[in-house]
């Protein structure tokens, strides 16, 4: 048996019960048998209303698939090339990446989510949080770095920060599954080769690299929402997806690569465990049985009231 009380109703019914009980006790000796019966009926009905307000219910067991506790770390490329307009529907790569990461986060209910963004430098934009709404808002507004402020992109500039973040997470929540999701176009415009992502592989249980852009490339607005295009010597510049670089990152992370512009499936980062647990939850409610039992008492009370009213009328 469990209880699901409506406390305000319990309080009202309990106060009414006490008042009726005190009133009946104060008049008991001077009352007739009929009046005493009426008082008893009122007290019993009030007690019944207390039980109704407490909402008694049965119990039942159900299987509950336990979900892995997850730390989800997102790495989002916001270099100028992510503004290239070659994502599905002629939208920017950043639009596609933001929407996909929002979907990944929405599917990871209960996970601790961290967001690292990088352009010329990397920064932890959202420290680990379970507040999905704040993460979704951030991902929807992050945008990309305008080309006028860019100094050349390095797709690996966030590796050191990701290593520090994952190391700290592993120390704070060692039993959690750690998942890394990297979203970018792989385009490296700095002259030196990118750094390896291999040091992160031992810190994660699962890794995904989401690729955005096309081999045909796309023109780039100079800034989010601007109609002007990035040009050099009067010629519009195009940014091209570097799929080989992204696949190399996935290999170093011992993870999987998905070309999202071609519509590959998004990762599922939170999965039920094979074993299930059982929990006890409220079952059928029984308050209606108590309420049904009060109906005859209320009918008797009504008959007594009508009888007393008729007797009083006859006396007049």
C-alpha atoms as a PDB file:
ATOM      1  CA  UNK A   1       0.000   0.000   0.000  1.00  0.00           C
ATOM      2  CA  UNK A   2       1.274   3.442  -0.917  1.00  0.00           C
ATOM      3  CA  UNK A   3      -0.125   6.926  -0.413  1.00  0.00           C
ATOM      4  CA  UNK A   4      -0.254   9.823  -2.852  1.00  0.00           C
ATOM      5  CA  UNK A   5      -1.756  12.570  -0.701  1.00  0.00           C
ATOM      6  CA  UNK A   6      -3.224  15.877  -1.780  1.00  0.00           C
ATOM      7  CA  UNK A   7      -1.938  17.660   1.297  1.00  0.00           C
ATOM      8  CA  UNK A   8      -4.133  20.744   1.134  1.00  0.00           C
ATOM      9  CA  UNK A   9      -7.223  18.525   0.958  1.00  0.00           C
ATOM     10  CA  UNK A  10      -5.899  16.334   3.782  1.00  0.00           C
ATOM     11  CA  UNK A  11      -5.463  19.439   5.939  1.00  0.00           C
ATOM     12  CA  UNK A  12      -8.983  20.733   5.245  1.00  0.00           C
ATOM     13  CA  UNK A  13     -10.576  17.334   5.927  1.00  0.00           C
ATOM     14  CA  UNK A  14      -8.507  16.821   9.081  1.00  0.00           C
ATOM     15  CA  UNK A  15      -9.492  20.228  10.478  1.00  0.00           C
ATOM     16  CA  UNK A  16     -13.155  19.509   9.692  1.00  0.00           C
ATOM     17  CA  UNK A  17     -12.880  16.158  11.481  1.00  0.00           C
ATOM     18  CA  UNK A  18     -11.431  17.733  14.624  1.00  0.00           C
ATOM     19  CA  UNK A  19     -14.075  20.484  14.661  1.00  0.00           C
ATOM     20  CA  UNK A  20     -16.936  18.010  14.239  1.00  0.00           C
ATOM     21  CA  UNK A  21     -15.489  15.687  16.878  1.00  0.00           C
ATOM     22  CA  UNK A  22     -15.133  18.489  19.442  1.00  0.00           C
ATOM     23  CA  UNK A  23     -18.621  19.738  18.681  1.00  0.00           C
ATOM     24  CA  UNK A  24     -20.134  16.265  19.080  1.00  0.00           C
ATOM     25  CA  UNK A  25     -18.272  15.660  22.350  1.00  0.00           C
ATOM     26  CA  UNK A  26     -19.432  18.973  23.826  1.00  0.00           C
ATOM     27  CA  UNK A  27     -23.132  18.201  23.098  1.00  0.00           C
ATOM     28  CA  UNK A  28     -23.132  14.453  23.544  1.00  0.00           C
ATOM     29  CA  UNK A  29     -24.879  14.152  26.931  1.00  0.00           C
ATOM     30  CA  UNK A  30     -27.603  16.644  26.121  1.00  0.00           C
ATOM     31  CA  UNK A  31     -28.349  15.180  22.702  1.00  0.00           C
ATOM     32  CA  UNK A  32     -31.025  12.751  21.614  1.00  0.00           C
ATOM     33  CA  UNK A  33     -30.109   9.420  20.038  1.00  0.00           C
ATOM     34  CA  UNK A  34     -30.926  10.786  16.588  1.00  0.00           C
ATOM     35  CA  UNK A  35     -28.691  13.823  17.020  1.00  0.00           C
ATOM     36  CA  UNK A  36     -25.890  11.601  18.333  1.00  0.00           C
ATOM     37  CA  UNK A  37     -26.235   9.359  15.274  1.00  0.00           C
ATOM     38  CA  UNK A  38     -26.050  12.405  13.009  1.00  0.00           C
ATOM     39  CA  UNK A  39     -22.904  13.625  14.784  1.00  0.00           C
ATOM     40  CA  UNK A  40     -21.272  10.197  14.466  1.00  0.00           C
ATOM     41  CA  UNK A  41     -22.120  10.055  10.776  1.00  0.00           C
ATOM     42  CA  UNK A  42     -20.563  13.478  10.224  1.00  0.00           C
ATOM     43  CA  UNK A  43     -17.326  12.479  11.990  1.00  0.00           C
ATOM     44  CA  UNK A  44     -17.108   9.179  10.093  1.00  0.00           C
ATOM     45  CA  UNK A  45     -17.659  10.943   6.754  1.00  0.00           C
ATOM     46  CA  UNK A  46     -14.981  13.514   7.636  1.00  0.00           C
ATOM     47  CA  UNK A  47     -12.521  10.730   8.509  1.00  0.00           C
ATOM     48  CA  UNK A  48     -13.417   9.067   5.200  1.00  0.00           C
ATOM     49  CA  UNK A  49     -12.627  12.295   3.355  1.00  0.00           C
ATOM     50  CA  UNK A  50      -9.211  12.339   5.028  1.00  0.00           C
ATOM     51  CA  UNK A  51      -8.611   8.840   3.639  1.00  0.00           C
ATOM     52  CA  UNK A  52      -9.805   9.912   0.186  1.00  0.00           C
ATOM     53  CA  UNK A  53      -7.420  12.892   0.270  1.00  0.00           C
ATOM     54  CA  UNK A  54      -4.548  10.564   1.223  1.00  0.00           C
ATOM     55  CA  UNK A  55      -5.224   8.634  -2.028  1.00  0.00           C
ATOM     56  CA  UNK A  56      -4.344   5.068  -1.035  1.00  0.00           C
ATOM     57  CA  UNK A  57      -3.021   2.952  -3.892  1.00  0.00           C
ATOM     58  CA  UNK A  58      -1.634  -0.491  -4.474  1.00  0.00           C
ATOM     59  CA  UNK A  59       1.896  -1.299  -5.593  1.00  0.00           C
ATOM     60  CA  UNK A  60       3.261  -3.007  -8.665  1.00  0.00           C
ATOM     61  CA  UNK A  61       6.693  -3.946  -9.923  1.00  0.00           C
ATOM     62  CA  UNK A  62       8.012  -3.048 -13.339  1.00  0.00           C
ATOM     63  CA  UNK A  63      11.231  -3.635 -15.244  1.00  0.00           C
ATOM     64  CA  UNK A  64      13.430  -0.572 -15.616  1.00  0.00           C
ATOM     65  CA  UNK A  65      16.403  -0.784 -17.987  1.00  0.00           C
ATOM     66  CA  UNK A  66      19.249   0.998 -16.180  1.00  0.00           C
ATOM     67  CA  UNK A  67      20.975   3.655 -18.246  1.00  0.00           C
ATOM     68  CA  UNK A  68      24.713   4.189 -18.310  1.00  0.00           C
ATOM     69  CA  UNK A  69      25.964   7.297 -16.554  1.00  0.00           C
ATOM     70  CA  UNK A  70      27.648   9.295 -19.316  1.00  0.00           C
ATOM     71  CA  UNK A  71      30.028  12.219 -19.635  1.00  0.00           C
ATOM     72  CA  UNK A  72      29.608  13.691 -23.107  1.00  0.00           C
ATOM     73  CA  UNK A  73      32.343  16.024 -24.380  1.00  0.00           C
ATOM     74  CA  UNK A  74      31.615  17.979 -27.562  1.00  0.00           C
ATOM     75  CA  UNK A  75      34.360  19.568 -29.663  1.00  0.00           C
ATOM     76  CA  UNK A  76      32.955  22.067 -32.142  1.00  0.00           C
ATOM     77  CA  UNK A  77      34.955  23.673 -34.958  1.00  0.00           C
ATOM     78  CA  UNK A  78      33.952  27.324 -35.330  1.00  0.00           C
ATOM     79  CA  UNK A  79      36.624  28.445 -37.780  1.00  0.00           C
ATOM     80  CA  UNK A  80      35.588  30.639 -40.733  1.00  0.00           C
ATOM     81  CA  UNK A  81      35.280  27.630 -43.043  1.00  0.00           C
ATOM     82  CA  UNK A  82      32.362  26.338 -40.957  1.00  0.00           C
ATOM     83  CA  UNK A  83      30.386  29.224 -42.459  1.00  0.00           C
ATOM     84  CA  UNK A  84      30.677  27.662 -45.939  1.00  0.00           C
ATOM     85  CA  UNK A  85      27.263  27.269 -47.548  1.00  0.00           C
ATOM     86  CA  UNK A  86      27.470  23.679 -48.732  1.00  0.00           C
ATOM     87  CA  UNK A  87      25.407  21.903 -46.090  1.00  0.00           C
ATOM     88  CA  UNK A  88      22.022  20.410 -46.916  1.00  0.00           C
ATOM     89  CA  UNK A  89      19.603  23.034 -48.208  1.00  0.00           C
ATOM     90  CA  UNK A  90      22.388  25.517 -48.961  1.00  0.00           C
ATOM     91  CA  UNK A  91      22.858  26.263 -45.288  1.00  0.00           C
ATOM     92  CA  UNK A  92      26.123  26.754 -43.469  1.00  0.00           C
ATOM     93  CA  UNK A  93      28.136  23.887 -42.059  1.00  0.00           C
ATOM     94  CA  UNK A  94      27.755  25.471 -38.627  1.00  0.00           C
ATOM     95  CA  UNK A  95      23.970  25.307 -38.942  1.00  0.00           C
ATOM     96  CA  UNK A  96      24.214  21.600 -39.600  1.00  0.00           C
ATOM     97  CA  UNK A  97      26.744  20.978 -36.836  1.00  0.00           C
ATOM     98  CA  UNK A  98      24.736  22.917 -34.254  1.00  0.00           C
ATOM     99  CA  UNK A  99      21.517  21.087 -35.118  1.00  0.00           C
ATOM    100  CA  UNK A 100      23.218  17.694 -34.962  1.00  0.00           C
ATOM    101  CA  UNK A 101      24.910  18.368 -31.642  1.00  0.00           C
ATOM    102  CA  UNK A 102      21.622  19.614 -30.200  1.00  0.00           C
ATOM    103  CA  UNK A 103      20.059  16.308 -31.252  1.00  0.00           C
ATOM    104  CA  UNK A 104      22.936  14.349 -29.710  1.00  0.00           C
ATOM    105  CA  UNK A 105      22.575  16.244 -26.430  1.00  0.00           C
ATOM    106  CA  UNK A 106      18.792  15.807 -26.425  1.00  0.00           C
ATOM    107  CA  UNK A 107      19.297  12.059 -26.754  1.00  0.00           C
ATOM    108  CA  UNK A 108      21.710  11.997 -23.829  1.00  0.00           C
ATOM    109  CA  UNK A 109      19.244  12.888 -21.078  1.00  0.00           C
ATOM    110  CA  UNK A 110      20.933  12.857 -17.683  1.00  0.00           C
ATOM    111  CA  UNK A 111      24.451  12.989 -19.103  1.00  0.00           C
ATOM    112  CA  UNK A 112      27.069  15.503 -17.994  1.00  0.00           C
ATOM    113  CA  UNK A 113      27.760  17.583 -21.108  1.00  0.00           C
ATOM    114  CA  UNK A 114      30.875  19.706 -21.738  1.00  0.00           C
ATOM    115  CA  UNK A 115      31.330  21.882 -24.821  1.00  0.00           C
ATOM    116  CA  UNK A 116      34.744  22.844 -26.214  1.00  0.00           C
ATOM    117  CA  UNK A 117      34.838  25.273 -29.142  1.00  0.00           C
ATOM    118  CA  UNK A 118      37.897  26.155 -31.155  1.00  0.00           C
ATOM    119  CA  UNK A 119      38.958  28.608 -33.853  1.00  0.00           C
ATOM    120  CA  UNK A 120      42.351  30.292 -33.462  1.00  0.00           C
ATOM    121  CA  UNK A 121      42.333  29.045 -29.873  1.00  0.00           C
ATOM    122  CA  UNK A 122      40.271  26.573 -27.883  1.00  0.00           C
ATOM    123  CA  UNK A 123      38.129  27.263 -24.848  1.00  0.00           C
ATOM    124  CA  UNK A 124      35.748  25.382 -22.601  1.00  0.00           C
ATOM    125  CA  UNK A 125      32.520  27.156 -23.499  1.00  0.00           C
ATOM    126  CA  UNK A 126      30.290  24.999 -21.266  1.00  0.00           C
ATOM    127  CA  UNK A 127      31.814  23.164 -18.279  1.00  0.00           C
ATOM    128  CA  UNK A 128      30.244  19.814 -17.421  1.00  0.00           C
ATOM    129  CA  UNK A 129      26.536  20.299 -16.747  1.00  0.00           C
ATOM    130  CA  UNK A 130      23.315  18.303 -16.789  1.00  0.00           C
ATOM    131  CA  UNK A 131      21.325  21.413 -17.766  1.00  0.00           C
ATOM    132  CA  UNK A 132      20.354  20.399 -21.297  1.00  0.00           C
ATOM    133  CA  UNK A 133      18.526  23.660 -21.932  1.00  0.00           C
ATOM    134  CA  UNK A 134      21.638  25.807 -21.395  1.00  0.00           C
ATOM    135  CA  UNK A 135      23.711  23.548 -23.646  1.00  0.00           C
ATOM    136  CA  UNK A 136      21.086  23.654 -26.408  1.00  0.00           C
ATOM    137  CA  UNK A 137      20.885  27.450 -26.164  1.00  0.00           C
ATOM    138  CA  UNK A 138      24.663  27.753 -26.380  1.00  0.00           C
ATOM    139  CA  UNK A 139      24.931  25.463 -29.390  1.00  0.00           C
ATOM    140  CA  UNK A 140      22.225  27.409 -31.179  1.00  0.00           C
ATOM    141  CA  UNK A 141      24.007  30.738 -30.801  1.00  0.00           C
ATOM    142  CA  UNK A 142      27.729  29.944 -30.933  1.00  0.00           C
ATOM    143  CA  UNK A 143      28.200  30.774 -34.641  1.00  0.00           C
ATOM    144  CA  UNK A 144      31.573  30.771 -36.407  1.00  0.00           C
ATOM    145  CA  UNK A 145      34.516  33.151 -36.251  1.00  0.00           C
ATOM    146  CA  UNK A 146      34.332  35.877 -38.954  1.00  0.00           C
ATOM    147  CA  UNK A 147      37.028  35.537 -41.611  1.00  0.00           C
ATOM    148  CA  UNK A 148      38.428  39.009 -40.936  1.00  0.00           C
ATOM    149  CA  UNK A 149      39.450  37.850 -37.456  1.00  0.00           C
ATOM    150  CA  UNK A 150      40.765  34.444 -38.498  1.00  0.00           C
ATOM    151  CA  UNK A 151      44.492  33.716 -38.548  1.00  0.00           C
ATOM    152  CA  UNK A 152      44.406  30.271 -40.168  1.00  0.00           C
ATOM    153  CA  UNK A 153      42.745  27.157 -38.854  1.00  0.00           C
ATOM    154  CA  UNK A 154      44.247  24.259 -36.940  1.00  0.00           C
ATOM    155  CA  UNK A 155      41.765  21.425 -36.482  1.00  0.00           C
ATOM    156  CA  UNK A 156      43.770  20.068 -33.557  1.00  0.00           C
ATOM    157  CA  UNK A 157      44.065  23.266 -31.528  1.00  0.00           C
ATOM    158  CA  UNK A 158      41.602  21.877 -28.978  1.00  0.00           C
ATOM    159  CA  UNK A 159      43.438  18.609 -28.261  1.00  0.00           C
ATOM    160  CA  UNK A 160      45.282  19.818 -25.158  1.00  0.00           C
ATOM    161  CA  UNK A 161      42.129  21.353 -23.657  1.00  0.00           C
ATOM    162  CA  UNK A 162      40.152  18.199 -24.433  1.00  0.00           C
ATOM    163  CA  UNK A 163      42.837  16.086 -22.723  1.00  0.00           C
ATOM    164  CA  UNK A 164      42.716  18.301 -19.613  1.00  0.00           C
ATOM    165  CA  UNK A 165      38.910  18.223 -19.571  1.00  0.00           C
ATOM    166  CA  UNK A 166      38.676  14.451 -19.985  1.00  0.00           C
ATOM    167  CA  UNK A 167      41.365  13.850 -17.355  1.00  0.00           C
ATOM    168  CA  UNK A 168      39.466  15.964 -14.843  1.00  0.00           C
ATOM    169  CA  UNK A 169      36.184  14.218 -15.666  1.00  0.00           C
ATOM    170  CA  UNK A 170      37.797  10.806 -15.248  1.00  0.00           C
ATOM    171  CA  UNK A 171      39.037  11.822 -11.795  1.00  0.00           C
ATOM    172  CA  UNK A 172      35.688  13.266 -10.688  1.00  0.00           C
ATOM    173  CA  UNK A 173      33.394  10.568 -12.140  1.00  0.00           C
ATOM    174  CA  UNK A 174      35.574   7.532 -12.840  1.00  0.00           C
ATOM    175  CA  UNK A 175      32.629   5.139 -13.281  1.00  0.00           C
ATOM    176  CA  UNK A 176      30.942   7.199 -15.997  1.00  0.00           C
ATOM    177  CA  UNK A 177      31.200   6.271 -19.655  1.00  0.00           C
ATOM    178  CA  UNK A 178      33.119   9.034 -21.456  1.00  0.00           C
ATOM    179  CA  UNK A 179      32.048   9.880 -25.010  1.00  0.00           C
ATOM    180  CA  UNK A 180      33.788  12.403 -27.281  1.00  0.00           C
ATOM    181  CA  UNK A 181      31.990  13.903 -30.283  1.00  0.00           C
ATOM    182  CA  UNK A 182      34.058  16.054 -32.667  1.00  0.00           C
ATOM    183  CA  UNK A 183      32.231  18.176 -35.255  1.00  0.00           C
ATOM    184  CA  UNK A 184      34.091  19.979 -38.021  1.00  0.00           C
ATOM    185  CA  UNK A 185      35.143  20.088 -41.683  1.00  0.00           C
ATOM    186  CA  UNK A 186      38.751  18.954 -41.226  1.00  0.00           C
ATOM    187  CA  UNK A 187      40.170  21.885 -43.196  1.00  0.00           C
ATOM    188  CA  UNK A 188      43.688  22.756 -42.007  1.00  0.00           C
ATOM    189  CA  UNK A 189      44.877  26.109 -43.371  1.00  0.00           C
ATOM    190  CA  UNK A 190      47.915  26.563 -41.163  1.00  0.00           C
ATOM    191  CA  UNK A 191      51.139  25.398 -42.745  1.00  0.00           C
ATOM    192  CA  UNK A 192      52.195  23.009 -40.003  1.00  0.00           C
ATOM    193  CA  UNK A 193      50.611  19.586 -39.736  1.00  0.00           C
ATOM    194  CA  UNK A 194      47.889  19.065 -37.172  1.00  0.00           C
ATOM    195  CA  UNK A 195      48.607  17.417 -33.835  1.00  0.00           C
ATOM    196  CA  UNK A 196      47.531  13.847 -33.165  1.00  0.00           C
ATOM    197  CA  UNK A 197      44.316  13.035 -31.346  1.00  0.00           C
ATOM    198  CA  UNK A 198      45.734   9.701 -30.179  1.00  0.00           C
ATOM    199  CA  UNK A 199      46.395  10.927 -26.578  1.00  0.00           C
ATOM    200  CA  UNK A 200      42.621  11.291 -26.152  1.00  0.00           C
ATOM    201  CA  UNK A 201      41.835   7.703 -27.142  1.00  0.00           C
ATOM    202  CA  UNK A 202      42.778   6.234 -23.771  1.00  0.00           C
ATOM    203  CA  UNK A 203      40.589   8.786 -21.986  1.00  0.00           C
ATOM    204  CA  UNK A 204      37.330   7.950 -23.794  1.00  0.00           C
ATOM    205  CA  UNK A 205      35.187   4.845 -24.115  1.00  0.00           C
ATOM    206  CA  UNK A 206      33.637   5.979 -27.378  1.00  0.00           C
ATOM    207  CA  UNK A 207      34.454   8.623 -29.975  1.00  0.00           C
ATOM    208  CA  UNK A 208      32.635  10.023 -32.982  1.00  0.00           C
ATOM    209  CA  UNK A 209      33.839  12.429 -35.660  1.00  0.00           C
ATOM    210  CA  UNK A 210      31.041  14.231 -37.512  1.00  0.00           C
ATOM    211  CA  UNK A 211      32.069  15.694 -40.859  1.00  0.00           C
ATOM    212  CA  UNK A 212      30.462  18.722 -42.499  1.00  0.00           C
ATOM    213  CA  UNK A 213      30.999  20.116 -45.972  1.00  0.00           C
ATOM    214  CA  UNK A 214      31.510  18.686 -49.439  1.00  0.00           C
ATOM    215  CA  UNK A 215      34.381  17.876 -51.782  1.00  0.00           C
ATOM    216  CA  UNK A 216      32.917  20.432 -54.208  1.00  0.00           C
ATOM    217  CA  UNK A 217      33.228  23.064 -51.495  1.00  0.00           C
ATOM    218  CA  UNK A 218      31.162  26.105 -50.687  1.00  0.00           C
ATOM    219  CA  UNK A 219      31.512  29.879 -50.637  1.00  0.00           C
ATOM    220  CA  UNK A 220      31.861  31.553 -47.241  1.00  0.00           C
ATOM    221  CA  UNK A 221      30.070  34.650 -45.893  1.00  0.00           C
ATOM    222  CA  UNK A 222      32.499  37.051 -44.233  1.00  0.00           C
ATOM    223  CA  UNK A 223      30.442  36.842 -41.037  1.00  0.00           C
ATOM    224  CA  UNK A 224      27.281  35.103 -39.784  1.00  0.00           C
ATOM    225  CA  UNK A 225      24.223  36.659 -41.432  1.00  0.00           C
ATOM    226  CA  UNK A 226      26.307  38.703 -43.921  1.00  0.00           C
ATOM    227  CA  UNK A 227      25.580  38.525 -47.638  1.00  0.00           C
ATOM    228  CA  UNK A 228      29.155  39.483 -48.587  1.00  0.00           C
ATOM    229  CA  UNK A 229      31.454  36.593 -49.463  1.00  0.00           C
ATOM    230  CA  UNK A 230      35.060  35.928 -48.582  1.00  0.00           C
ATOM    231  CA  UNK A 231      37.152  36.958 -51.589  1.00  0.00           C
ATOM    232  CA  UNK A 232      40.813  37.158 -52.547  1.00  0.00           C
ATOM    233  CA  UNK A 233      41.870  39.427 -55.398  1.00  0.00           C
ATOM    234  CA  UNK A 234      38.214  39.778 -56.288  1.00  0.00           C
ATOM    235  CA  UNK A 235      37.633  36.032 -56.520  1.00  0.00           C
ATOM    236  CA  UNK A 236      35.180  34.290 -54.176  1.00  0.00           C
ATOM    237  CA  UNK A 237      36.988  31.730 -52.065  1.00  0.00           C
ATOM    238  CA  UNK A 238      35.667  28.246 -51.458  1.00  0.00           C
ATOM    239  CA  UNK A 239      36.200  25.937 -48.505  1.00  0.00           C
ATOM    240  CA  UNK A 240      36.462  22.197 -49.038  1.00  0.00           C
ATOM    241  CA  UNK A 241      35.734  19.279 -46.754  1.00  0.00           C
ATOM    242  CA  UNK A 242      38.913  17.377 -45.837  1.00  0.00           C
ATOM    243  CA  UNK A 243      37.409  13.948 -45.294  1.00  0.00           C
ATOM    244  CA  UNK A 244      40.795  12.263 -45.137  1.00  0.00           C
ATOM    245  CA  UNK A 245      41.792  14.454 -42.202  1.00  0.00           C
ATOM    246  CA  UNK A 246      38.552  13.711 -40.355  1.00  0.00           C
ATOM    247  CA  UNK A 247      38.892   9.986 -40.951  1.00  0.00           C
ATOM    248  CA  UNK A 248      42.431  10.208 -39.637  1.00  0.00           C
ATOM    249  CA  UNK A 249      41.162  11.912 -36.466  1.00  0.00           C
ATOM    250  CA  UNK A 250      38.556   9.157 -36.037  1.00  0.00           C
ATOM    251  CA  UNK A 251      41.226   6.484 -36.440  1.00  0.00           C
ATOM    252  CA  UNK A 252      43.478   8.153 -33.864  1.00  0.00           C
ATOM    253  CA  UNK A 253      40.560   8.302 -31.437  1.00  0.00           C
ATOM    254  CA  UNK A 254      39.732   4.661 -32.227  1.00  0.00           C
ATOM    255  CA  UNK A 255      36.267   5.919 -33.028  1.00  0.00           C
ATOM    256  CA  UNK A 256      33.878   6.295 -35.957  1.00  0.00           C
ATOM    257  CA  UNK A 257      33.549   8.860 -38.724  1.00  0.00           C
ATOM    258  CA  UNK A 258      30.147  10.000 -40.048  1.00  0.00           C
ATOM    259  CA  UNK A 259      29.802  12.379 -43.004  1.00  0.00           C
ATOM    260  CA  UNK A 260      26.705  14.250 -41.856  1.00  0.00           C
ATOM    261  CA  UNK A 261      26.310  16.349 -45.009  1.00  0.00           C
ATOM    262  CA  UNK A 262      25.613  13.045 -46.774  1.00  0.00           C
ATOM    263  CA  UNK A 263      23.119  12.139 -44.043  1.00  0.00           C
ATOM    264  CA  UNK A 264      25.007   9.532 -41.998  1.00  0.00           C
ATOM    265  CA  UNK A 265      23.393   8.430 -38.738  1.00  0.00           C
ATOM    266  CA  UNK A 266      24.028  10.397 -35.572  1.00  0.00           C
ATOM    267  CA  UNK A 267      25.621   8.589 -32.635  1.00  0.00           C
ATOM    268  CA  UNK A 268      23.508   7.258 -29.793  1.00  0.00           C
ATOM    269  CA  UNK A 269      25.485   8.192 -26.706  1.00  0.00           C
ATOM    270  CA  UNK A 270      23.224   6.828 -23.936  1.00  0.00           C
ATOM    271  CA  UNK A 271      22.083   3.218 -24.122  1.00  0.00           C
ATOM    272  CA  UNK A 272      20.200   0.960 -21.702  1.00  0.00           C
ATOM    273  CA  UNK A 273      22.364  -1.715 -20.112  1.00  0.00           C
ATOM    274  CA  UNK A 274      21.666  -5.342 -20.920  1.00  0.00           C
ATOM    275  CA  UNK A 275      20.488  -6.147 -17.389  1.00  0.00           C
ATOM    276  CA  UNK A 276      17.268  -4.652 -16.073  1.00  0.00           C
ATOM    277  CA  UNK A 277      16.313  -3.534 -12.607  1.00  0.00           C
ATOM    278  CA  UNK A 278      12.899  -3.759 -10.979  1.00  0.00           C
ATOM    279  CA  UNK A 279      11.229  -0.912  -9.188  1.00  0.00           C
ATOM    280  CA  UNK A 280       8.032  -0.609  -7.204  1.00  0.00           C
ATOM    281  CA  UNK A 281       5.631   2.028  -8.476  1.00  0.00           C
ATOM    282  CA  UNK A 282       2.092   3.029  -7.461  1.00  0.00           C
ATOM    283  CA  UNK A 283      -0.577   0.755  -8.905  1.00  0.00           C
ATOM    284  CA  UNK A 284      -4.359   0.972  -8.889  1.00  0.00           C
ATOM    285  CA  UNK A 285      -5.819   3.692  -6.653  1.00  0.00           C
ATOM    286  CA  UNK A 286      -8.310   2.733  -3.936  1.00  0.00           C
ATOM    287  CA  UNK A 287      -9.640   6.110  -2.816  1.00  0.00           C
ATOM    288  CA  UNK A 288     -12.764   5.582  -4.910  1.00  0.00           C
ATOM    289  CA  UNK A 289     -13.645   2.545  -2.781  1.00  0.00           C
ATOM    290  CA  UNK A 290     -13.583   4.716   0.336  1.00  0.00           C
ATOM    291  CA  UNK A 291     -15.650   7.378  -1.450  1.00  0.00           C
ATOM    292  CA  UNK A 292     -18.153   4.736  -2.545  1.00  0.00           C
ATOM    293  CA  UNK A 293     -18.424   3.507   1.042  1.00  0.00           C
ATOM    294  CA  UNK A 294     -19.271   7.021   2.218  1.00  0.00           C
ATOM    295  CA  UNK A 295     -22.284   7.271  -0.090  1.00  0.00           C
ATOM    296  CA  UNK A 296     -24.673   5.213   2.131  1.00  0.00           C
ATOM    297  CA  UNK A 297     -23.594   7.184   5.179  1.00  0.00           C
ATOM    298  CA  UNK A 298     -24.342  10.446   3.400  1.00  0.00           C
ATOM    299  CA  UNK A 299     -27.742   9.061   2.371  1.00  0.00           C
ATOM    300  CA  UNK A 300     -28.557   8.130   5.969  1.00  0.00           C
ATOM    301  CA  UNK A 301     -27.423  11.592   7.097  1.00  0.00           C
ATOM    302  CA  UNK A 302     -29.702  13.146   4.482  1.00  0.00           C
ATOM    303  CA  UNK A 303     -32.685  11.052   5.624  1.00  0.00           C
ATOM    304  CA  UNK A 304     -32.095  12.029   9.243  1.00  0.00           C
ATOM    305  CA  UNK A 305     -31.843  15.685   8.267  1.00  0.00           C
ATOM    306  CA  UNK A 306     -35.108  15.471   6.303  1.00  0.00           C
ATOM    307  CA  UNK A 307     -36.787  13.727   9.258  1.00  0.00           C
ATOM    308  CA  UNK A 308     -35.634  16.421  11.679  1.00  0.00           C
ATOM    309  CA  UNK A 309     -36.776  19.148   9.272  1.00  0.00           C
ATOM    310  CA  UNK A 310     -40.243  17.620   9.027  1.00  0.00           C
ATOM    311  CA  UNK A 311     -40.461  17.235  12.793  1.00  0.00           C
ATOM    312  CA  UNK A 312     -39.476  20.886  13.274  1.00  0.00           C
ATOM    313  CA  UNK A 313     -42.056  21.948  10.688  1.00  0.00           C
ATOM    314  CA  UNK A 314     -44.802  19.997  12.421  1.00  0.00           C
ATOM    315  CA  UNK A 315     -43.967  21.639  15.734  1.00  0.00           C
ATOM    316  CA  UNK A 316     -44.580  25.013  14.138  1.00  0.00           C
END
